[in-house]
PDB file of N, CA and C in Angstrom:
ATOM      1  N   MET A   1     -62.751  84.091 167.632  1.00  0.00           N
ATOM      2  CA  MET A   1     -61.706  85.020 167.804  1.00  0.00           C
ATOM      3  C   MET A   1     -60.924  85.247 168.944  1.00  0.00           C
ATOM      4  N   ALA A   2     -60.057  84.110 169.219  1.00  0.00           N
ATOM      5  CA  ALA A   2     -59.112  83.834 170.204  1.00  0.00           C
ATOM      6  C   ALA A   2     -57.619  84.263 169.812  1.00  0.00           C
ATOM      7  N   ASN A   3     -56.930  84.745 170.861  1.00  0.00           N
ATOM      8  CA  ASN A   3     -55.491  85.059 170.602  1.00  0.00           C
ATOM      9  C   ASN A   3     -54.755  83.959 171.000  1.00  0.00           C
ATOM     10  N   GLN A   4     -53.766  83.549 170.481  1.00  0.00           N
ATOM     11  CA  GLN A   4     -52.956  82.447 170.813  1.00  0.00           C
ATOM     12  C   GLN A   4     -51.434  83.141 170.679  1.00  0.00           C
ATOM     13  N   THR A   5     -50.753  82.752 171.708  1.00  0.00           N
ATOM     14  CA  THR A   5     -49.108  82.746 171.738  1.00  0.00           C
ATOM     15  C   THR A   5     -48.512  81.551 171.431  1.00  0.00           C
ATOM     16  N   ARG A   6     -47.585  81.505 170.242  1.00  0.00           N
ATOM     17  CA  ARG A   6     -46.863  80.434 170.165  1.00  0.00           C
ATOM     18  C   ARG A   6     -45.329  80.945 169.769  1.00  0.00           C
ATOM     19  N   ILE A   7     -44.802  79.703 169.675  1.00  0.00           N
ATOM     20  CA  ILE A   7     -43.143  79.893 169.459  1.00  0.00           C
ATOM     21  C   ILE A   7     -42.728  79.224 168.011  1.00  0.00           C
ATOM     22  N   ILE A   8     -41.938  80.003 167.450  1.00  0.00           N
ATOM     23  CA  ILE A   8     -41.440  79.458 166.238  1.00  0.00           C
ATOM     24  C   ILE A   8     -39.809  79.527 166.427  1.00  0.00           C
ATOM     25  N   LYS A   9     -39.404  78.361 166.060  1.00  0.00           N
ATOM     26  CA  LYS A   9     -37.634  78.267 166.013  1.00  0.00           C
ATOM     27  C   LYS A   9     -37.326  78.647 164.592  1.00  0.00           C
ATOM     28  N   ILE A  10     -36.530  79.608 164.587  1.00  0.00           N
ATOM     29  CA  ILE A  10     -36.042  80.185 163.412  1.00  0.00           C
ATOM     30  C   ILE A  10     -34.363  79.920 163.173  1.00  0.00           C
ATOM     31  N   ASP A  11     -34.100  79.152 162.244  1.00  0.00           N
ATOM     32  CA  ASP A  11     -32.468  79.039 161.939  1.00  0.00           C
ATOM     33  C   ASP A  11     -32.218  79.999 160.798  1.00  0.00           C
ATOM     34  N   GLY A  12     -31.078  80.337 160.690  1.00  0.00           N
ATOM     35  CA  GLY A  12     -30.489  81.104 159.754  1.00  0.00           C
ATOM     36  C   GLY A  12     -30.366  82.438 160.082  1.00  0.00           C
ATOM     37  N   MET A  13     -30.696  83.119 161.451  1.00  0.00           N
ATOM     38  CA  MET A  13     -30.540  84.484 161.677  1.00  0.00           C
ATOM     39  C   MET A  13     -29.341  84.704 162.327  1.00  0.00           C
ATOM     40  N   THR A  14     -28.485  85.577 161.704  1.00  0.00           N
ATOM     41  CA  THR A  14     -27.231  86.027 162.414  1.00  0.00           C
ATOM     42  C   THR A  14     -26.674  87.274 162.815  1.00  0.00           C
ATOM     43  N   CYS A  15     -27.659  88.360 162.718  1.00  0.00           N
ATOM     44  CA  CYS A  15     -27.591  89.520 163.010  1.00  0.00           C
ATOM     45  C   CYS A  15     -28.974  90.320 163.264  1.00  0.00           C
ATOM     46  N   GLY A  16     -28.636  91.655 163.612  1.00  0.00           N
ATOM     47  CA  GLY A  16     -29.917  92.516 163.974  1.00  0.00           C
ATOM     48  C   GLY A  16     -30.922  92.536 162.632  1.00  0.00           C
ATOM     49  N   GLY A  17     -30.187  92.741 161.545  1.00  0.00           N
ATOM     50  CA  GLY A  17     -30.876  92.846 160.277  1.00  0.00           C
ATOM     51  C   GLY A  17     -31.647  91.499 160.045  1.00  0.00           C
ATOM     52  N   CYS A  18     -31.473  90.474 160.518  1.00  0.00           N
ATOM     53  CA  CYS A  18     -32.202  89.332 160.139  1.00  0.00           C
ATOM     54  C   CYS A  18     -33.297  89.427 161.212  1.00  0.00           C
ATOM     55  N   VAL A  19     -33.369  89.822 162.456  1.00  0.00           N
ATOM     56  CA  VAL A  19     -34.506  90.052 163.248  1.00  0.00           C
ATOM     57  C   VAL A  19     -35.408  90.928 162.572  1.00  0.00           C
ATOM     58  N   ALA A  20     -34.839  92.245 161.787  1.00  0.00           N
ATOM     59  CA  ALA A  20     -35.875  93.152 161.140  1.00  0.00           C
ATOM     60  C   ALA A  20     -36.378  92.474 160.155  1.00  0.00           C
ATOM     61  N   SER A  21     -35.741  91.676 159.385  1.00  0.00           N
ATOM     62  CA  SER A  21     -36.139  90.821 158.198  1.00  0.00           C
ATOM     63  C   SER A  21     -37.768  90.029 159.013  1.00  0.00           C
ATOM     64  N   VAL A  22     -37.449  89.275 159.868  1.00  0.00           N
ATOM     65  CA  VAL A  22     -38.464  88.580 160.341  1.00  0.00           C
ATOM     66  C   VAL A  22     -39.570  89.381 160.796  1.00  0.00           C
ATOM     67  N   HIS A  23     -39.389  90.502 161.267  1.00  0.00           N
ATOM     68  CA  HIS A  23     -40.421  91.507 161.581  1.00  0.00           C
ATOM     69  C   HIS A  23     -41.156  91.935 160.415  1.00  0.00           C
ATOM     70  N   THR A  24     -40.255  92.268 159.270  1.00  0.00           N
ATOM     71  CA  THR A  24     -40.996  92.820 158.153  1.00  0.00           C
ATOM     72  C   THR A  24     -41.917  91.660 157.454  1.00  0.00           C
ATOM     73  N   ALA A  25     -41.392  90.673 157.317  1.00  0.00           N
ATOM     74  CA  ALA A  25     -41.967  89.446 156.854  1.00  0.00           C
ATOM     75  C   ALA A  25     -43.313  89.137 157.701  1.00  0.00           C
ATOM     76  N   THR A  26     -43.475  89.407 158.681  1.00  0.00           N
ATOM     77  CA  THR A  26     -44.753  89.169 159.521  1.00  0.00           C
ATOM     78  C   THR A  26     -45.703  90.395 159.627  1.00  0.00           C
ATOM     79  N   SER A  27     -45.138  91.528 159.645  1.00  0.00           N
ATOM     80  CA  SER A  27     -46.020  92.763 159.850  1.00  0.00           C
ATOM     81  C   SER A  27     -47.087  92.908 159.008  1.00  0.00           C
ATOM     82  N   GLU A  28     -47.022  92.349 157.843  1.00  0.00           N
ATOM     83  CA  GLU A  28     -48.354  92.656 156.821  1.00  0.00           C
ATOM     84  C   GLU A  28     -49.371  91.681 156.965  1.00  0.00           C
ATOM     85  N   ILE A  29     -49.127  90.399 157.986  1.00  0.00           N
ATOM     86  CA  ILE A  29     -49.979  89.402 158.179  1.00  0.00           C
ATOM     87  C   ILE A  29     -51.118  89.788 158.888  1.00  0.00           C
ATOM     88  N   ASP A  30     -52.324  89.788 158.497  1.00  0.00           N
ATOM     89  CA  ASP A  30     -53.484  90.190 159.370  1.00  0.00           C
ATOM     90  C   ASP A  30     -54.002  89.177 160.251  1.00  0.00           C
ATOM     91  N   GLY A  31     -53.945  89.803 161.675  1.00  0.00           N
ATOM     92  CA  GLY A  31     -54.041  88.833 162.796  1.00  0.00           C
ATOM     93  C   GLY A  31     -52.834  88.726 163.620  1.00  0.00           C
ATOM     94  N   VAL A  32     -51.863  89.132 162.982  1.00  0.00           N
ATOM     95  CA  VAL A  32     -50.494  88.951 164.042  1.00  0.00           C
ATOM     96  C   VAL A  32     -50.720  90.152 164.971  1.00  0.00           C
ATOM     97  N   GLU A  33     -50.647  90.067 166.337  1.00  0.00           N
ATOM     98  CA  GLU A  33     -50.879  91.044 167.109  1.00  0.00           C
ATOM     99  C   GLU A  33     -49.400  91.697 167.693  1.00  0.00           C
ATOM    100  N   THR A  34     -48.500  90.624 168.088  1.00  0.00           N
ATOM    101  CA  THR A  34     -47.332  90.812 168.534  1.00  0.00           C
ATOM    102  C   THR A  34     -46.320  89.821 167.931  1.00  0.00           C
ATOM    103  N   ILE A  35     -44.829  90.328 167.762  1.00  0.00           N
ATOM    104  CA  ILE A  35     -43.876  89.071 167.648  1.00  0.00           C
ATOM    105  C   ILE A  35     -42.648  89.726 168.194  1.00  0.00           C
ATOM    106  N   SER A  36     -42.065  88.856 168.893  1.00  0.00           N
ATOM    107  CA  SER A  36     -40.687  89.162 169.810  1.00  0.00           C
ATOM    108  C   SER A  36     -39.724  88.117 169.136  1.00  0.00           C
ATOM    109  N   VAL A  37     -38.607  88.596 168.575  1.00  0.00           N
ATOM    110  CA  VAL A  37     -37.657  87.843 168.099  1.00  0.00           C
ATOM    111  C   VAL A  37     -36.355  87.799 168.976  1.00  0.00           C
ATOM    112  N   ASP A  38     -35.979  86.676 169.192  1.00  0.00           N
ATOM    113  CA  ASP A  38     -34.552  86.546 170.277  1.00  0.00           C
ATOM    114  C   ASP A  38     -33.502  85.862 169.126  1.00  0.00           C
ATOM    115  N   LEU A  39     -32.851  86.887 168.881  1.00  0.00           N
ATOM    116  CA  LEU A  39     -31.568  86.288 168.107  1.00  0.00           C
ATOM    117  C   LEU A  39     -30.844  85.283 168.690  1.00  0.00           C
ATOM    118  N   ALA A  40     -30.421  85.495 170.175  1.00  0.00           N
ATOM    119  CA  ALA A  40     -29.719  84.733 170.811  1.00  0.00           C
ATOM    120  C   ALA A  40     -30.189  83.187 170.825  1.00  0.00           C
ATOM    121  N   ASP A  41     -31.484  83.065 170.939  1.00  0.00           N
ATOM    122  CA  ASP A  41     -32.004  81.910 171.080  1.00  0.00           C
ATOM    123  C   ASP A  41     -32.572  81.266 169.853  1.00  0.00           C
ATOM    124  N   ASN A  42     -32.661  82.256 168.799  1.00  0.00           N
ATOM    125  CA  ASN A  42     -33.207  81.800 167.708  1.00  0.00           C
ATOM    126  C   ASN A  42     -34.703  81.342 167.547  1.00  0.00           C
ATOM    127  N   LEU A  43     -35.512  82.239 168.241  1.00  0.00           N
ATOM    128  CA  LEU A  43     -36.793  82.082 168.793  1.00  0.00           C
ATOM    129  C   LEU A  43     -37.725  83.248 168.535  1.00  0.00           C
ATOM    130  N   ALA A  44     -38.798  83.060 167.935  1.00  0.00           N
ATOM    131  CA  ALA A  44     -39.712  84.171 167.875  1.00  0.00           C
ATOM    132  C   ALA A  44     -41.007  83.693 168.925  1.00  0.00           C
ATOM    133  N   THR A  45     -41.749  84.480 169.437  1.00  0.00           N
ATOM    134  CA  THR A  45     -42.870  84.441 170.124  1.00  0.00           C
ATOM    135  C   THR A  45     -43.835  85.394 169.567  1.00  0.00           C
ATOM    136  N   VAL A  46     -44.926  84.704 169.139  1.00  0.00           N
ATOM    137  CA  VAL A  46     -45.834  85.267 168.470  1.00  0.00           C
ATOM    138  C   VAL A  46     -47.361  85.227 169.012  1.00  0.00           C
ATOM    139  N   THR A  47     -47.965  86.429 169.172  1.00  0.00           N
ATOM    140  CA  THR A  47     -49.370  86.331 169.694  1.00  0.00           C
ATOM    141  C   THR A  47     -50.150  86.783 168.197  1.00  0.00           C
ATOM    142  N   PHE A  48     -51.166  86.002 168.010  1.00  0.00           N
ATOM    143  CA  PHE A  48     -52.024  86.290 166.912  1.00  0.00           C
ATOM    144  C   PHE A  48     -53.281  85.814 167.172  1.00  0.00           C
ATOM    145  N   ASP A  49     -54.151  86.423 166.437  1.00  0.00           N
ATOM    146  CA  ASP A  49     -55.547  86.004 166.277  1.00  0.00           C
ATOM    147  C   ASP A  49     -56.003  84.869 165.427  1.00  0.00           C
ATOM    148  N   ASP A  50     -56.152  83.520 165.953  1.00  0.00           N
ATOM    149  CA  ASP A  50     -56.312  82.341 165.384  1.00  0.00           C
ATOM    150  C   ASP A  50     -57.504  82.243 164.313  1.00  0.00           C
ATOM    151  N   SER A  51     -58.498  83.587 164.317  1.00  0.00           N
ATOM    152  CA  SER A  51     -59.554  83.516 163.209  1.00  0.00           C
ATOM    153  C   SER A  51     -59.156  84.049 162.123  1.00  0.00           C
ATOM    154  N   LYS A  52     -58.268  84.718 161.896  1.00  0.00           N
ATOM    155  CA  LYS A  52     -57.496  85.343 161.075  1.00  0.00           C
ATOM    156  C   LYS A  52     -56.377  84.881 160.353  1.00  0.00           C
ATOM    157  N   THR A  53     -55.523  84.065 160.946  1.00  0.00           N
ATOM    158  CA  THR A  53     -54.148  83.550 160.256  1.00  0.00           C
ATOM    159  C   THR A  53     -53.919  82.377 161.406  1.00  0.00           C
ATOM    160  N   SER A  54     -52.767  81.504 160.732  1.00  0.00           N
ATOM    161  CA  SER A  54     -52.418  80.472 161.836  1.00  0.00           C
ATOM    162  C   SER A  54     -51.081  80.614 161.768  1.00  0.00           C
ATOM    163  N   ILE A  55     -50.347  79.769 162.752  1.00  0.00           N
ATOM    164  CA  ILE A  55     -49.386  79.691 163.337  1.00  0.00           C
ATOM    165  C   ILE A  55     -48.333  79.186 161.985  1.00  0.00           C
ATOM    166  N   GLU A  56     -48.858  78.391 161.262  1.00  0.00           N
ATOM    167  CA  GLU A  56     -48.362  77.640 159.960  1.00  0.00           C
ATOM    168  C   GLU A  56     -48.179  78.975 158.782  1.00  0.00           C
ATOM    169  N   ALA A  57     -49.002  79.694 158.669  1.00  0.00           N
ATOM    170  CA  ALA A  57     -48.894  80.912 157.843  1.00  0.00           C
ATOM    171  C   ALA A  57     -47.936  81.753 158.122  1.00  0.00           C
ATOM    172  N   ILE A  58     -47.781  82.121 159.378  1.00  0.00           N
ATOM    173  CA  ILE A  58     -46.940  82.962 160.081  1.00  0.00           C
ATOM    174  C   ILE A  58     -45.274  82.133 159.715  1.00  0.00           C
ATOM    175  N   ALA A  59     -45.144  81.078 159.881  1.00  0.00           N
ATOM    176  CA  ALA A  59     -44.006  80.299 159.887  1.00  0.00           C
ATOM    177  C   ALA A  59     -43.576  80.371 158.489  1.00  0.00           C
ATOM    178  N   ALA A  60     -44.623  80.294 157.382  1.00  0.00           N
ATOM    179  CA  ALA A  60     -44.411  80.148 155.898  1.00  0.00           C
ATOM    180  C   ALA A  60     -43.914  81.456 155.614  1.00  0.00           C
ATOM    181  N   ALA A  61     -44.228  82.688 156.089  1.00  0.00           N
ATOM    182  CA  ALA A  61     -43.796  83.862 155.783  1.00  0.00           C
ATOM    183  C   ALA A  61     -42.567  84.353 156.346  1.00  0.00           C
ATOM    184  N   ILE A  62     -42.135  83.469 157.164  1.00  0.00           N
ATOM    185  CA  ILE A  62     -40.541  83.695 157.577  1.00  0.00           C
ATOM    186  C   ILE A  62     -39.825  82.810 156.874  1.00  0.00           C
ATOM    187  N   ASP A  63     -40.296  81.641 156.397  1.00  0.00           N
ATOM    188  CA  ASP A  63     -39.483  80.767 155.279  1.00  0.00           C
ATOM    189  C   ASP A  63     -39.233  81.666 154.068  1.00  0.00           C
ATOM    190  N   GLU A  64     -40.346  82.292 153.715  1.00  0.00           N
ATOM    191  CA  GLU A  64     -40.165  82.886 152.412  1.00  0.00           C
ATOM    192  C   GLU A  64     -39.440  84.134 152.635  1.00  0.00           C
ATOM    193  N   ALA A  65     -38.902  84.704 153.660  1.00  0.00           N
ATOM    194  CA  ALA A  65     -38.153  85.870 153.911  1.00  0.00           C
ATOM    195  C   ALA A  65     -36.707  85.260 153.853  1.00  0.00           C
ATOM    196  N   GLY A  66     -36.527  83.949 153.627  1.00  0.00           N
ATOM    197  CA  GLY A  66     -35.038  83.207 153.444  1.00  0.00           C
ATOM    198  C   GLY A  66     -34.573  82.565 154.749  1.00  0.00           C
ATOM    199  N   PHE A  67     -35.580  82.419 155.858  1.00  0.00           N
ATOM    200  CA  PHE A  67     -35.107  81.565 156.971  1.00  0.00           C
ATOM    201  C   PHE A  67     -35.703  80.397 157.195  1.00  0.00           C
ATOM    202  N   ASP A  68     -35.312  79.343 157.933  1.00  0.00           N
ATOM    203  CA  ASP A  68     -36.016  78.119 158.239  1.00  0.00           C
ATOM    204  C   ASP A  68     -36.802  78.158 159.520  1.00  0.00           C
ATOM    205  N   ALA A  69     -37.973  78.268 159.327  1.00  0.00           N
ATOM    206  CA  ALA A  69     -38.926  78.389 160.437  1.00  0.00           C
ATOM    207  C   ALA A  69     -39.718  76.985 160.756  1.00  0.00           C
ATOM    208  N   THR A  70     -39.478  76.668 162.186  1.00  0.00           N
ATOM    209  CA  THR A  70     -40.367  75.558 162.574  1.00  0.00           C
ATOM    210  C   THR A  70     -41.228  75.879 163.755  1.00  0.00           C
ATOM    211  N   VAL A  71     -42.255  75.375 163.595  1.00  0.00           N
ATOM    212  CA  VAL A  71     -43.486  75.752 164.841  1.00  0.00           C
ATOM    213  C   VAL A  71     -43.146  74.816 165.928  1.00  0.00           C
ATOM    214  N   ALA A  72     -42.712  75.425 167.018  1.00  0.00           N
ATOM    215  CA  ALA A  72     -42.402  74.631 168.255  1.00  0.00           C
ATOM    216  C   ALA A  72     -43.633  74.090 168.870  1.00  0.00           C
ATOM    217  N   ASN A  73     -43.644  72.618 169.219  1.00  0.00           N
ATOM    218  CA  ASN A  73     -44.953  71.980 169.827  1.00  0.00           C
ATOM    219  C   ASN A  73     -45.390  72.939 171.111  1.00  0.00           C
ATOM    220  N   ALA A  74     -46.559  72.953 171.306  1.00  0.00           N
ATOM    221  CA  ALA A  74     -47.127  73.440 172.297  1.00  0.00           C
ATOM    222  C   ALA A  74     -48.006  72.602 173.347  1.00  0.00           C
TER     223      ALA A  74
END
C-alpha cells in the first residue's frame, strides 16, 4: 500500500470544462488520492495507491473521457 505520484500528458484539453471532465473521469477510481490538472501545460499530476489502481488504468479512464492520455516516464 504505497502512494505514488506520476504525471500524465493529456492532449485535447481546451478549456476549464475539459479539466472538469478529467476530474470526473478519475474521481470514481478507487485508489486515486489527488489529481491536479494543468490546462496550460496539458498535464495531470496524480497521486494514487498502487495497491488499488495503476497509472495505466487512470490514463485509460482519461482516454475514455475523450482525451489522449499518455503516461510520462518517471
